[in-house]
């Protein structure tokens, strides 16, 4: 038996919504399921405005553009993350400044970020890494706009609110491996009405909502389709179920792997992380991954630190030792909602 890294939890609710969208003939962007999905995201996060878009990466690009960030500007980005935040900064013509992580949460280190500030710093992208919220209280003292990347953090929270509610704007991804998915897709959320208008304008070709084919800015087609939103709406209605099911998978993994030399990722007491993919560390990580894959388990090493990649190395003005260390020792295990205990046990056995 083979175990994929992740798989979606899809049922009749998702199928019914897709059938309804197809029957209506409205399968492109701006359909009724898009509006419904945006409403559910506002309710979930407490944000005033939500714009559904085609991917989490698109969400990052659009919010940076809406903030007026471009050539000559700098944006601080954690060195340990999927490449999308740094790539989005480059896409708008700005410079990503890579910053090391905090050893106790693996999220961006506010003290290290403070040392990266320059007069050209226009924003900081705070990635809620693998479902662990950043320390937004400390980040707020830096005095620069914060963009929360909650792509992997559906259902996470701190005492101050849920993931997706922090910073001047926040973004989600609904890629198929996320706890809540639309297949591909993302969203930008904010409480700022002017920023929300700029985000929606850029998402819809820069075309005035009041005057068709009148383009006031050079926008893009970043819209989520009604078909994707049909799936996303059903998933968002199941949010607590899906997030809770992954949390149970993580609990089972922790019990099964206790005392077997694979340590769970660290968490902070002020955070209530969510489970995206169950992550463990091992000094012998590559050997464990190879053994697992030979046994049909799609275990994976986490991303390399961006500061160790030739493309991004030049954007690290200081060493990112902790990011490099985690990237050499951490790995993900197969994780999906309602994963059976017998499957978790089988995966655990094939790691040894």
C-alpha atoms as a PDB file:
ATOM      1  CA  UNK A   1       0.000   0.000   0.000  1.00  0.00           C
ATOM      2  CA  UNK A   2       1.230   3.476  -0.859  1.00  0.00           C
ATOM      3  CA  UNK A   3       0.685   6.598   1.214  1.00  0.00           C
ATOM      4  CA  UNK A   4       0.608  10.001  -0.566  1.00  0.00           C
ATOM      5  CA  UNK A   5       1.803  13.108   1.205  1.00  0.00           C
ATOM      6  CA  UNK A   6      -1.726  14.482   1.279  1.00  0.00           C
ATOM      7  CA  UNK A   7      -5.116  14.130  -0.315  1.00  0.00           C
ATOM      8  CA  UNK A   8      -8.292  16.217  -0.182  1.00  0.00           C
ATOM      9  CA  UNK A   9     -11.416  15.319   1.749  1.00  0.00           C
ATOM     10  CA  UNK A  10     -14.173  15.751  -0.831  1.00  0.00           C
ATOM     11  CA  UNK A  11     -17.796  14.689  -0.496  1.00  0.00           C
ATOM     12  CA  UNK A  12     -21.328  15.276  -1.665  1.00  0.00           C
ATOM     13  CA  UNK A  13     -21.371  18.906  -0.557  1.00  0.00           C
ATOM     14  CA  UNK A  14     -18.455  19.727  -2.882  1.00  0.00           C
ATOM     15  CA  UNK A  15     -19.909  17.639  -5.732  1.00  0.00           C
ATOM     16  CA  UNK A  16     -23.323  19.251  -5.337  1.00  0.00           C
ATOM     17  CA  UNK A  17     -21.896  22.756  -5.469  1.00  0.00           C
ATOM     18  CA  UNK A  18     -19.886  21.954  -8.603  1.00  0.00           C
ATOM     19  CA  UNK A  19     -22.986  20.470 -10.269  1.00  0.00           C
ATOM     20  CA  UNK A  20     -24.940  23.615  -9.398  1.00  0.00           C
ATOM     21  CA  UNK A  21     -22.215  25.839 -10.847  1.00  0.00           C
ATOM     22  CA  UNK A  22     -22.078  23.787 -14.047  1.00  0.00           C
ATOM     23  CA  UNK A  23     -25.853  23.733 -14.394  1.00  0.00           C
ATOM     24  CA  UNK A  24     -25.941  27.521 -14.108  1.00  0.00           C
ATOM     25  CA  UNK A  25     -23.326  27.867 -16.858  1.00  0.00           C
ATOM     26  CA  UNK A  26     -21.375  30.277 -14.655  1.00  0.00           C
ATOM     27  CA  UNK A  27     -17.997  28.610 -14.280  1.00  0.00           C
ATOM     28  CA  UNK A  28     -15.593  31.573 -14.662  1.00  0.00           C
ATOM     29  CA  UNK A  29     -14.724  34.276 -12.143  1.00  0.00           C
ATOM     30  CA  UNK A  30     -17.069  36.551 -10.160  1.00  0.00           C
ATOM     31  CA  UNK A  31     -19.853  33.965  -9.879  1.00  0.00           C
ATOM     32  CA  UNK A  32     -22.161  33.494  -6.877  1.00  0.00           C
ATOM     33  CA  UNK A  33     -19.967  30.842  -5.258  1.00  0.00           C
ATOM     34  CA  UNK A  34     -17.049  33.297  -5.322  1.00  0.00           C
ATOM     35  CA  UNK A  35     -19.097  35.814  -3.348  1.00  0.00           C
ATOM     36  CA  UNK A  36     -20.269  33.109  -0.951  1.00  0.00           C
ATOM     37  CA  UNK A  37     -16.721  31.902  -0.397  1.00  0.00           C
ATOM     38  CA  UNK A  38     -15.491  35.426   0.310  1.00  0.00           C
ATOM     39  CA  UNK A  39     -18.298  35.872   2.848  1.00  0.00           C
ATOM     40  CA  UNK A  40     -17.344  32.693   4.671  1.00  0.00           C
ATOM     41  CA  UNK A  41     -13.715  33.850   4.846  1.00  0.00           C
ATOM     42  CA  UNK A  42     -14.758  37.205   6.292  1.00  0.00           C
ATOM     43  CA  UNK A  43     -16.841  35.438   8.913  1.00  0.00           C
ATOM     44  CA  UNK A  44     -14.038  33.009   9.744  1.00  0.00           C
ATOM     45  CA  UNK A  45     -11.345  35.668  10.222  1.00  0.00           C
ATOM     46  CA  UNK A  46     -13.388  38.687  11.323  1.00  0.00           C
ATOM     47  CA  UNK A  47     -11.915  40.685   8.455  1.00  0.00           C
ATOM     48  CA  UNK A  48     -14.005  43.377   6.776  1.00  0.00           C
ATOM     49  CA  UNK A  49     -12.992  42.549   3.199  1.00  0.00           C
ATOM     50  CA  UNK A  50     -12.020  39.380   1.328  1.00  0.00           C
ATOM     51  CA  UNK A  51     -11.075  38.883  -2.319  1.00  0.00           C
ATOM     52  CA  UNK A  52     -10.808  35.333  -3.645  1.00  0.00           C
ATOM     53  CA  UNK A  53      -8.004  34.880  -6.169  1.00  0.00           C
ATOM     54  CA  UNK A  54      -6.451  32.155  -8.307  1.00  0.00           C
ATOM     55  CA  UNK A  55      -3.668  31.100  -5.898  1.00  0.00           C
ATOM     56  CA  UNK A  56      -1.871  32.010  -2.714  1.00  0.00           C
ATOM     57  CA  UNK A  57       1.060  33.252  -4.765  1.00  0.00           C
ATOM     58  CA  UNK A  58      -1.246  35.516  -6.762  1.00  0.00           C
ATOM     59  CA  UNK A  59      -2.612  36.801  -3.452  1.00  0.00           C
ATOM     60  CA  UNK A  60       0.889  37.810  -2.327  1.00  0.00           C
ATOM     61  CA  UNK A  61       1.702  39.515  -5.628  1.00  0.00           C
ATOM     62  CA  UNK A  62      -1.542  41.467  -5.634  1.00  0.00           C
ATOM     63  CA  UNK A  63      -1.297  42.685  -2.046  1.00  0.00           C
ATOM     64  CA  UNK A  64       2.281  43.867  -2.592  1.00  0.00           C
ATOM     65  CA  UNK A  65       1.211  45.724  -5.734  1.00  0.00           C
ATOM     66  CA  UNK A  66      -1.778  47.210  -3.924  1.00  0.00           C
ATOM     67  CA  UNK A  67       0.559  48.498  -1.209  1.00  0.00           C
ATOM     68  CA  UNK A  68       2.530  50.305  -3.911  1.00  0.00           C
ATOM     69  CA  UNK A  69       5.653  48.201  -3.432  1.00  0.00           C
ATOM     70  CA  UNK A  70       7.969  48.106  -6.437  1.00  0.00           C
ATOM     71  CA  UNK A  71      11.485  48.791  -7.727  1.00  0.00           C
ATOM     72  CA  UNK A  72      13.845  50.170  -5.094  1.00  0.00           C
ATOM     73  CA  UNK A  73      11.774  48.841  -2.195  1.00  0.00           C
ATOM     74  CA  UNK A  74      12.723  46.079   0.214  1.00  0.00           C
ATOM     75  CA  UNK A  75      10.453  43.474   1.808  1.00  0.00           C
ATOM     76  CA  UNK A  76      11.651  41.293   4.682  1.00  0.00           C
ATOM     77  CA  UNK A  77      10.880  37.591   4.150  1.00  0.00           C
ATOM     78  CA  UNK A  78      11.688  34.583   6.378  1.00  0.00           C
ATOM     79  CA  UNK A  79      14.492  32.408   5.075  1.00  0.00           C
ATOM     80  CA  UNK A  80      12.544  29.229   5.841  1.00  0.00           C
ATOM     81  CA  UNK A  81       9.385  29.123   3.742  1.00  0.00           C
ATOM     82  CA  UNK A  82       8.090  27.919   0.433  1.00  0.00           C
ATOM     83  CA  UNK A  83       9.566  30.211  -2.225  1.00  0.00           C
ATOM     84  CA  UNK A  84       6.317  32.048  -3.042  1.00  0.00           C
ATOM     85  CA  UNK A  85       6.788  35.051  -0.692  1.00  0.00           C
ATOM     86  CA  UNK A  86      10.287  35.824  -2.002  1.00  0.00           C
ATOM     87  CA  UNK A  87       9.205  35.183  -5.602  1.00  0.00           C
ATOM     88  CA  UNK A  88       6.242  37.518  -5.195  1.00  0.00           C
ATOM     89  CA  UNK A  89       8.554  40.293  -3.992  1.00  0.00           C
ATOM     90  CA  UNK A  90      10.770  39.822  -7.048  1.00  0.00           C
ATOM     91  CA  UNK A  91       7.733  39.702  -9.327  1.00  0.00           C
ATOM     92  CA  UNK A  92       6.688  43.226  -8.323  1.00  0.00           C
ATOM     93  CA  UNK A  93      10.252  44.437  -8.876  1.00  0.00           C
ATOM     94  CA  UNK A  94      11.224  44.818  -5.216  1.00  0.00           C
ATOM     95  CA  UNK A  95      14.037  43.155  -3.262  1.00  0.00           C
ATOM     96  CA  UNK A  96      13.387  40.320  -0.791  1.00  0.00           C
ATOM     97  CA  UNK A  97      15.549  40.577   2.328  1.00  0.00           C
ATOM     98  CA  UNK A  98      15.883  37.143   3.887  1.00  0.00           C
ATOM     99  CA  UNK A  99      15.691  36.910   7.650  1.00  0.00           C
ATOM    100  CA  UNK A 100      16.447  34.048  10.025  1.00  0.00           C
ATOM    101  CA  UNK A 101      13.792  32.271  12.062  1.00  0.00           C
ATOM    102  CA  UNK A 102      13.153  31.842  15.764  1.00  0.00           C
ATOM    103  CA  UNK A 103      14.357  28.439  16.977  1.00  0.00           C
ATOM    104  CA  UNK A 104      11.323  27.956  19.245  1.00  0.00           C
ATOM    105  CA  UNK A 105       8.598  28.492  16.651  1.00  0.00           C
ATOM    106  CA  UNK A 106      10.355  28.354  13.248  1.00  0.00           C
ATOM    107  CA  UNK A 107       8.586  31.602  12.323  1.00  0.00           C
ATOM    108  CA  UNK A 108      10.389  34.828  11.457  1.00  0.00           C
ATOM    109  CA  UNK A 109      12.552  36.145  14.312  1.00  0.00           C
ATOM    110  CA  UNK A 110      11.430  39.703  15.218  1.00  0.00           C
ATOM    111  CA  UNK A 111      14.861  40.576  16.628  1.00  0.00           C
ATOM    112  CA  UNK A 112      16.614  39.405  13.466  1.00  0.00           C
ATOM    113  CA  UNK A 113      14.045  41.304  11.385  1.00  0.00           C
ATOM    114  CA  UNK A 114      14.765  44.500  13.307  1.00  0.00           C
ATOM    115  CA  UNK A 115      18.413  44.223  12.293  1.00  0.00           C
ATOM    116  CA  UNK A 116      17.363  43.999   8.622  1.00  0.00           C
ATOM    117  CA  UNK A 117      15.380  47.246   8.614  1.00  0.00           C
ATOM    118  CA  UNK A 118      16.606  49.988   6.296  1.00  0.00           C
ATOM    119  CA  UNK A 119      15.030  53.207   4.978  1.00  0.00           C
ATOM    120  CA  UNK A 120      13.936  51.159   1.948  1.00  0.00           C
ATOM    121  CA  UNK A 121      11.987  48.573   3.983  1.00  0.00           C
ATOM    122  CA  UNK A 122       8.341  48.864   2.931  1.00  0.00           C
ATOM    123  CA  UNK A 123       6.814  45.682   4.367  1.00  0.00           C
ATOM    124  CA  UNK A 124       7.442  42.351   6.070  1.00  0.00           C
ATOM    125  CA  UNK A 125       5.813  39.085   5.020  1.00  0.00           C
ATOM    126  CA  UNK A 126       5.164  37.033   8.145  1.00  0.00           C
ATOM    127  CA  UNK A 127       4.664  33.361   7.264  1.00  0.00           C
ATOM    128  CA  UNK A 128       2.661  31.284   9.736  1.00  0.00           C
ATOM    129  CA  UNK A 129       5.017  28.432   9.051  1.00  0.00           C
ATOM    130  CA  UNK A 130       3.463  24.965   8.932  1.00  0.00           C
ATOM    131  CA  UNK A 131       0.466  26.249  10.859  1.00  0.00           C
ATOM    132  CA  UNK A 132       2.299  28.108  13.659  1.00  0.00           C
ATOM    133  CA  UNK A 133       1.322  31.805  13.963  1.00  0.00           C
ATOM    134  CA  UNK A 134       4.049  34.424  14.060  1.00  0.00           C
ATOM    135  CA  UNK A 135       4.630  36.642  17.085  1.00  0.00           C
ATOM    136  CA  UNK A 136       2.561  39.541  15.783  1.00  0.00           C
ATOM    137  CA  UNK A 137       2.818  41.578  18.976  1.00  0.00           C
ATOM    138  CA  UNK A 138       6.594  41.777  18.620  1.00  0.00           C
ATOM    139  CA  UNK A 139       6.480  42.205  14.854  1.00  0.00           C
ATOM    140  CA  UNK A 140       4.144  45.177  15.249  1.00  0.00           C
ATOM    141  CA  UNK A 141       6.881  47.045  17.124  1.00  0.00           C
ATOM    142  CA  UNK A 142       9.024  47.091  13.967  1.00  0.00           C
ATOM    143  CA  UNK A 143       6.909  49.908  12.553  1.00  0.00           C
ATOM    144  CA  UNK A 144       6.512  48.506   9.031  1.00  0.00           C
ATOM    145  CA  UNK A 145       3.380  47.097   7.344  1.00  0.00           C
ATOM    146  CA  UNK A 146       2.942  43.393   8.051  1.00  0.00           C
ATOM    147  CA  UNK A 147       1.452  41.024   5.473  1.00  0.00           C
ATOM    148  CA  UNK A 148       0.371  37.787   7.131  1.00  0.00           C
ATOM    149  CA  UNK A 149       0.936  34.704   4.976  1.00  0.00           C
ATOM    150  CA  UNK A 150      -1.501  32.240   6.552  1.00  0.00           C
ATOM    151  CA  UNK A 151      -1.312  29.836   3.593  1.00  0.00           C
ATOM    152  CA  UNK A 152      -0.575  26.830   5.819  1.00  0.00           C
ATOM    153  CA  UNK A 153      -2.415  27.968   8.941  1.00  0.00           C
ATOM    154  CA  UNK A 154      -6.139  27.322   8.499  1.00  0.00           C
ATOM    155  CA  UNK A 155      -7.585  27.136  11.997  1.00  0.00           C
ATOM    156  CA  UNK A 156      -4.506  28.373  13.871  1.00  0.00           C
ATOM    157  CA  UNK A 157      -4.830  31.230  16.334  1.00  0.00           C
ATOM    158  CA  UNK A 158      -3.315  33.198  19.186  1.00  0.00           C
ATOM    159  CA  UNK A 159      -5.046  34.906  22.095  1.00  0.00           C
ATOM    160  CA  UNK A 160      -5.416  37.934  19.825  1.00  0.00           C
ATOM    161  CA  UNK A 161      -7.287  36.265  16.998  1.00  0.00           C
ATOM    162  CA  UNK A 162      -7.321  33.609  14.295  1.00  0.00           C
ATOM    163  CA  UNK A 163      -4.757  33.173  11.564  1.00  0.00           C
ATOM    164  CA  UNK A 164      -5.764  35.422   8.700  1.00  0.00           C
ATOM    165  CA  UNK A 165      -6.695  38.331  10.972  1.00  0.00           C
ATOM    166  CA  UNK A 166      -3.256  39.888  11.489  1.00  0.00           C
ATOM    167  CA  UNK A 167      -1.350  42.634   9.704  1.00  0.00           C
ATOM    168  CA  UNK A 168      -2.488  45.259   7.264  1.00  0.00           C
ATOM    169  CA  UNK A 169      -3.496  42.369   5.013  1.00  0.00           C
ATOM    170  CA  UNK A 170      -3.426  38.593   5.148  1.00  0.00           C
ATOM    171  CA  UNK A 171      -3.419  35.886   2.516  1.00  0.00           C
ATOM    172  CA  UNK A 172      -4.548  32.272   2.379  1.00  0.00           C
ATOM    173  CA  UNK A 173      -3.778  29.460  -0.018  1.00  0.00           C
ATOM    174  CA  UNK A 174      -6.361  26.818  -0.861  1.00  0.00           C
ATOM    175  CA  UNK A 175      -4.028  24.516  -2.768  1.00  0.00           C
ATOM    176  CA  UNK A 176      -5.046  20.869  -2.754  1.00  0.00           C
ATOM    177  CA  UNK A 177      -2.669  19.952   0.077  1.00  0.00           C
ATOM    178  CA  UNK A 178      -4.149  22.534   2.453  1.00  0.00           C
ATOM    179  CA  UNK A 179      -6.649  21.659   5.188  1.00  0.00           C
ATOM    180  CA  UNK A 180      -9.293  23.702   3.350  1.00  0.00           C
ATOM    181  CA  UNK A 181      -8.960  23.543  -0.423  1.00  0.00           C
ATOM    182  CA  UNK A 182     -10.469  24.783  -3.649  1.00  0.00           C
ATOM    183  CA  UNK A 183      -8.029  22.756  -5.756  1.00  0.00           C
ATOM    184  CA  UNK A 184      -5.999  25.843  -6.572  1.00  0.00           C
ATOM    185  CA  UNK A 185      -6.896  29.210  -5.162  1.00  0.00           C
ATOM    186  CA  UNK A 186      -6.156  31.857  -2.608  1.00  0.00           C
ATOM    187  CA  UNK A 187      -7.569  34.956  -0.948  1.00  0.00           C
ATOM    188  CA  UNK A 188      -6.502  38.385   0.275  1.00  0.00           C
ATOM    189  CA  UNK A 189      -8.142  39.806   3.401  1.00  0.00           C
ATOM    190  CA  UNK A 190      -7.917  43.238   4.982  1.00  0.00           C
ATOM    191  CA  UNK A 191      -9.809  45.724   7.147  1.00  0.00           C
ATOM    192  CA  UNK A 192      -8.634  48.733   5.116  1.00  0.00           C
ATOM    193  CA  UNK A 193     -11.325  49.840   2.623  1.00  0.00           C
ATOM    194  CA  UNK A 194      -8.904  51.667   0.315  1.00  0.00           C
ATOM    195  CA  UNK A 195      -6.522  48.735   0.228  1.00  0.00           C
ATOM    196  CA  UNK A 196      -9.432  46.349  -0.374  1.00  0.00           C
ATOM    197  CA  UNK A 197     -10.558  48.449  -3.362  1.00  0.00           C
ATOM    198  CA  UNK A 198      -7.030  48.453  -4.782  1.00  0.00           C
ATOM    199  CA  UNK A 199      -6.765  44.684  -4.344  1.00  0.00           C
ATOM    200  CA  UNK A 200     -10.055  44.025  -6.124  1.00  0.00           C
ATOM    201  CA  UNK A 201      -9.168  46.459  -8.903  1.00  0.00           C
ATOM    202  CA  UNK A 202      -5.824  44.760  -9.547  1.00  0.00           C
ATOM    203  CA  UNK A 203      -7.443  41.318  -9.435  1.00  0.00           C
ATOM    204  CA  UNK A 204      -9.983  42.257 -12.117  1.00  0.00           C
ATOM    205  CA  UNK A 205      -7.674  43.552 -14.882  1.00  0.00           C
ATOM    206  CA  UNK A 206      -7.517  47.015 -13.304  1.00  0.00           C
ATOM    207  CA  UNK A 207     -10.996  47.596 -14.753  1.00  0.00           C
ATOM    208  CA  UNK A 208     -13.335  50.041 -13.038  1.00  0.00           C
ATOM    209  CA  UNK A 209     -16.247  48.247 -11.340  1.00  0.00           C
ATOM    210  CA  UNK A 210     -18.499  51.109 -12.461  1.00  0.00           C
ATOM    211  CA  UNK A 211     -17.312  51.480 -16.048  1.00  0.00           C
ATOM    212  CA  UNK A 212     -16.742  48.337 -18.072  1.00  0.00           C
ATOM    213  CA  UNK A 213     -13.521  48.242 -20.128  1.00  0.00           C
ATOM    214  CA  UNK A 214     -12.240  51.418 -18.467  1.00  0.00           C
ATOM    215  CA  UNK A 215      -8.840  50.454 -17.020  1.00  0.00           C
ATOM    216  CA  UNK A 216      -7.417  52.885 -14.480  1.00  0.00           C
ATOM    217  CA  UNK A 217      -4.352  50.758 -13.615  1.00  0.00           C
ATOM    218  CA  UNK A 218      -2.476  47.895 -15.226  1.00  0.00           C
ATOM    219  CA  UNK A 219      -4.095  44.959 -13.452  1.00  0.00           C
ATOM    220  CA  UNK A 220      -4.139  41.236 -14.064  1.00  0.00           C
ATOM    221  CA  UNK A 221      -6.625  38.406 -14.168  1.00  0.00           C
ATOM    222  CA  UNK A 222      -6.168  37.017 -10.685  1.00  0.00           C
ATOM    223  CA  UNK A 223      -9.753  35.878 -10.187  1.00  0.00           C
ATOM    224  CA  UNK A 224     -10.877  32.600  -8.650  1.00  0.00           C
ATOM    225  CA  UNK A 225     -13.277  30.682 -10.885  1.00  0.00           C
ATOM    226  CA  UNK A 226     -16.805  29.927  -9.775  1.00  0.00           C
ATOM    227  CA  UNK A 227     -16.018  26.208 -10.100  1.00  0.00           C
ATOM    228  CA  UNK A 228     -13.069  26.497  -7.711  1.00  0.00           C
ATOM    229  CA  UNK A 229     -15.142  28.590  -5.334  1.00  0.00           C
ATOM    230  CA  UNK A 230     -17.910  25.968  -5.457  1.00  0.00           C
ATOM    231  CA  UNK A 231     -15.444  23.484  -3.963  1.00  0.00           C
ATOM    232  CA  UNK A 232     -13.996  26.132  -1.637  1.00  0.00           C
ATOM    233  CA  UNK A 233     -17.403  27.141  -0.297  1.00  0.00           C
ATOM    234  CA  UNK A 234     -18.228  23.554   0.627  1.00  0.00           C
ATOM    235  CA  UNK A 235     -14.827  23.156   2.255  1.00  0.00           C
ATOM    236  CA  UNK A 236     -15.147  26.429   4.188  1.00  0.00           C
ATOM    237  CA  UNK A 237     -18.510  25.241   5.511  1.00  0.00           C
ATOM    238  CA  UNK A 238     -16.642  22.151   6.801  1.00  0.00           C
ATOM    239  CA  UNK A 239     -13.741  24.247   8.187  1.00  0.00           C
ATOM    240  CA  UNK A 240     -13.908  23.071  11.795  1.00  0.00           C
ATOM    241  CA  UNK A 241     -14.361  19.446  10.773  1.00  0.00           C
ATOM    242  CA  UNK A 242     -11.407  19.474   8.371  1.00  0.00           C
ATOM    243  CA  UNK A 243      -9.068  21.376  10.695  1.00  0.00           C
ATOM    244  CA  UNK A 244     -10.075  19.207  13.642  1.00  0.00           C
ATOM    245  CA  UNK A 245      -9.533  16.014  11.666  1.00  0.00           C
ATOM    246  CA  UNK A 246      -5.943  16.982  10.830  1.00  0.00           C
ATOM    247  CA  UNK A 247      -5.344  17.892  14.467  1.00  0.00           C
ATOM    248  CA  UNK A 248      -6.424  14.372  15.415  1.00  0.00           C
ATOM    249  CA  UNK A 249      -4.037  12.900  12.835  1.00  0.00           C
ATOM    250  CA  UNK A 250      -1.221  14.929  14.361  1.00  0.00           C
ATOM    251  CA  UNK A 251      -2.143  13.722  17.858  1.00  0.00           C
ATOM    252  CA  UNK A 252      -2.073  10.118  16.658  1.00  0.00           C
ATOM    253  CA  UNK A 253       1.315  10.611  15.047  1.00  0.00           C
ATOM    254  CA  UNK A 254       2.736  12.098  18.249  1.00  0.00           C
ATOM    255  CA  UNK A 255       1.498   9.123  20.265  1.00  0.00           C
ATOM    256  CA  UNK A 256       2.726   6.581  17.727  1.00  0.00           C
ATOM    257  CA  UNK A 257       6.181   8.127  17.299  1.00  0.00           C
ATOM    258  CA  UNK A 258       6.872   8.893  20.965  1.00  0.00           C
ATOM    259  CA  UNK A 259      10.247   7.553  22.000  1.00  0.00           C
ATOM    260  CA  UNK A 260      11.249   6.569  18.479  1.00  0.00           C
ATOM    261  CA  UNK A 261      13.790   9.322  17.849  1.00  0.00           C
ATOM    262  CA  UNK A 262      11.620  11.531  15.623  1.00  0.00           C
ATOM    263  CA  UNK A 263      10.855  14.799  17.390  1.00  0.00           C
ATOM    264  CA  UNK A 264       7.810  16.975  16.598  1.00  0.00           C
ATOM    265  CA  UNK A 265       8.366  20.555  15.580  1.00  0.00           C
ATOM    266  CA  UNK A 266       8.546  23.098  18.432  1.00  0.00           C
ATOM    267  CA  UNK A 267       5.580  25.253  19.378  1.00  0.00           C
ATOM    268  CA  UNK A 268       5.122  28.259  21.624  1.00  0.00           C
ATOM    269  CA  UNK A 269       2.645  28.355  24.550  1.00  0.00           C
ATOM    270  CA  UNK A 270       1.077  31.604  23.310  1.00  0.00           C
ATOM    271  CA  UNK A 271       0.074  29.982  20.003  1.00  0.00           C
ATOM    272  CA  UNK A 272      -2.550  27.407  19.056  1.00  0.00           C
ATOM    273  CA  UNK A 273      -1.028  26.012  15.859  1.00  0.00           C
ATOM    274  CA  UNK A 274      -2.988  24.049  13.304  1.00  0.00           C
ATOM    275  CA  UNK A 275      -1.800  20.965  11.455  1.00  0.00           C
ATOM    276  CA  UNK A 276      -0.976  21.388   7.782  1.00  0.00           C
ATOM    277  CA  UNK A 277       1.392  18.428   7.357  1.00  0.00           C
ATOM    278  CA  UNK A 278       2.739  16.628  10.393  1.00  0.00           C
ATOM    279  CA  UNK A 279       6.381  17.612  10.730  1.00  0.00           C
ATOM    280  CA  UNK A 280       9.148  15.817  12.617  1.00  0.00           C
ATOM    281  CA  UNK A 281      12.895  16.262  12.872  1.00  0.00           C
ATOM    282  CA  UNK A 282      15.762  13.814  12.786  1.00  0.00           C
ATOM    283  CA  UNK A 283      19.518  14.243  12.661  1.00  0.00           C
ATOM    284  CA  UNK A 284      19.394  11.371  10.151  1.00  0.00           C
ATOM    285  CA  UNK A 285      16.511  12.910   8.185  1.00  0.00           C
ATOM    286  CA  UNK A 286      17.616  11.990   4.657  1.00  0.00           C
ATOM    287  CA  UNK A 287      18.068   8.336   5.579  1.00  0.00           C
ATOM    288  CA  UNK A 288      14.618   8.235   7.185  1.00  0.00           C
ATOM    289  CA  UNK A 289      13.023   9.828   4.104  1.00  0.00           C
ATOM    290  CA  UNK A 290      14.758   7.399   1.771  1.00  0.00           C
ATOM    291  CA  UNK A 291      13.674   4.415   3.858  1.00  0.00           C
ATOM    292  CA  UNK A 292      10.086   5.668   3.981  1.00  0.00           C
ATOM    293  CA  UNK A 293       9.899   6.223   0.252  1.00  0.00           C
ATOM    294  CA  UNK A 294      11.209   2.731  -0.424  1.00  0.00           C
ATOM    295  CA  UNK A 295       8.292   1.521   1.678  1.00  0.00           C
ATOM    296  CA  UNK A 296       5.711   3.447  -0.328  1.00  0.00           C
ATOM    297  CA  UNK A 297       5.436   6.413   2.046  1.00  0.00           C
ATOM    298  CA  UNK A 298       5.630   9.848   0.421  1.00  0.00           C
ATOM    299  CA  UNK A 299       7.567  11.421   3.275  1.00  0.00           C
ATOM    300  CA  UNK A 300       9.419  14.553   2.178  1.00  0.00           C
ATOM    301  CA  UNK A 301      12.255  16.722   3.355  1.00  0.00           C
ATOM    302  CA  UNK A 302      11.080  20.276   3.993  1.00  0.00           C
ATOM    303  CA  UNK A 303      12.109  23.061   1.650  1.00  0.00           C
ATOM    304  CA  UNK A 304      15.743  24.132   1.626  1.00  0.00           C
ATOM    305  CA  UNK A 305      16.308  27.470   3.309  1.00  0.00           C
ATOM    306  CA  UNK A 306      15.970  30.182   0.681  1.00  0.00           C
ATOM    307  CA  UNK A 307      19.301  31.577   1.842  1.00  0.00           C
ATOM    308  CA  UNK A 308      20.924  28.311   0.711  1.00  0.00           C
ATOM    309  CA  UNK A 309      19.510  28.444  -2.829  1.00  0.00           C
ATOM    310  CA  UNK A 310      21.680  30.064  -5.531  1.00  0.00           C
ATOM    311  CA  UNK A 311      18.734  32.150  -6.770  1.00  0.00           C
ATOM    312  CA  UNK A 312      18.084  33.742  -3.383  1.00  0.00           C
ATOM    313  CA  UNK A 313      21.426  33.554  -1.566  1.00  0.00           C
ATOM    314  CA  UNK A 314      22.364  37.097  -2.539  1.00  0.00           C
ATOM    315  CA  UNK A 315      19.272  38.419  -0.737  1.00  0.00           C
ATOM    316  CA  UNK A 316      20.490  37.246   2.678  1.00  0.00           C
ATOM    317  CA  UNK A 317      22.563  40.102   4.139  1.00  0.00           C
ATOM    318  CA  UNK A 318      23.110  38.113   7.330  1.00  0.00           C
ATOM    319  CA  UNK A 319      23.522  34.393   7.983  1.00  0.00           C
ATOM    320  CA  UNK A 320      20.343  32.377   8.491  1.00  0.00           C
ATOM    321  CA  UNK A 321      21.806  29.587  10.595  1.00  0.00           C
ATOM    322  CA  UNK A 322      18.583  28.425  12.228  1.00  0.00           C
ATOM    323  CA  UNK A 323      16.687  28.281   8.935  1.00  0.00           C
ATOM    324  CA  UNK A 324      19.464  26.169   7.419  1.00  0.00           C
ATOM    325  CA  UNK A 325      19.501  23.815  10.392  1.00  0.00           C
ATOM    326  CA  UNK A 326      15.747  23.167  10.267  1.00  0.00           C
ATOM    327  CA  UNK A 327      15.887  22.671   6.495  1.00  0.00           C
ATOM    328  CA  UNK A 328      18.484  19.915   7.001  1.00  0.00           C
ATOM    329  CA  UNK A 329      16.643  18.019   9.737  1.00  0.00           C
ATOM    330  CA  UNK A 330      12.870  18.443   9.267  1.00  0.00           C
ATOM    331  CA  UNK A 331      10.522  16.286   7.228  1.00  0.00           C
ATOM    332  CA  UNK A 332       6.790  15.952   6.544  1.00  0.00           C
ATOM    333  CA  UNK A 333       4.751  12.807   6.928  1.00  0.00           C
ATOM    334  CA  UNK A 334       1.576  11.904   5.008  1.00  0.00           C
ATOM    335  CA  UNK A 335      -1.282  13.916   6.459  1.00  0.00           C
ATOM    336  CA  UNK A 336      -4.906  14.315   5.470  1.00  0.00           C
ATOM    337  CA  UNK A 337      -8.274  14.697   7.172  1.00  0.00           C
ATOM    338  CA  UNK A 338      -9.757  11.471   8.535  1.00  0.00           C
ATOM    339  CA  UNK A 339      -6.554   9.512   7.935  1.00  0.00           C
ATOM    340  CA  UNK A 340      -7.154   6.118   9.537  1.00  0.00           C
ATOM    341  CA  UNK A 341      -5.177   5.170  12.672  1.00  0.00           C
ATOM    342  CA  UNK A 342      -4.051   1.976  10.924  1.00  0.00           C
ATOM    343  CA  UNK A 343      -2.572   4.109   8.110  1.00  0.00           C
ATOM    344  CA  UNK A 344      -0.750   6.297  10.623  1.00  0.00           C
ATOM    345  CA  UNK A 345       0.616   3.175  12.277  1.00  0.00           C
ATOM    346  CA  UNK A 346       1.747   1.775   8.923  1.00  0.00           C
ATOM    347  CA  UNK A 347       3.517   5.017   8.029  1.00  0.00           C
ATOM    348  CA  UNK A 348       5.225   5.138  11.430  1.00  0.00           C
ATOM    349  CA  UNK A 349       6.440   1.550  11.064  1.00  0.00           C
ATOM    350  CA  UNK A 350       7.917   2.226   7.617  1.00  0.00           C
ATOM    351  CA  UNK A 351      10.030   5.080   8.948  1.00  0.00           C
ATOM    352  CA  UNK A 352      12.152   2.787  11.107  1.00  0.00           C
END
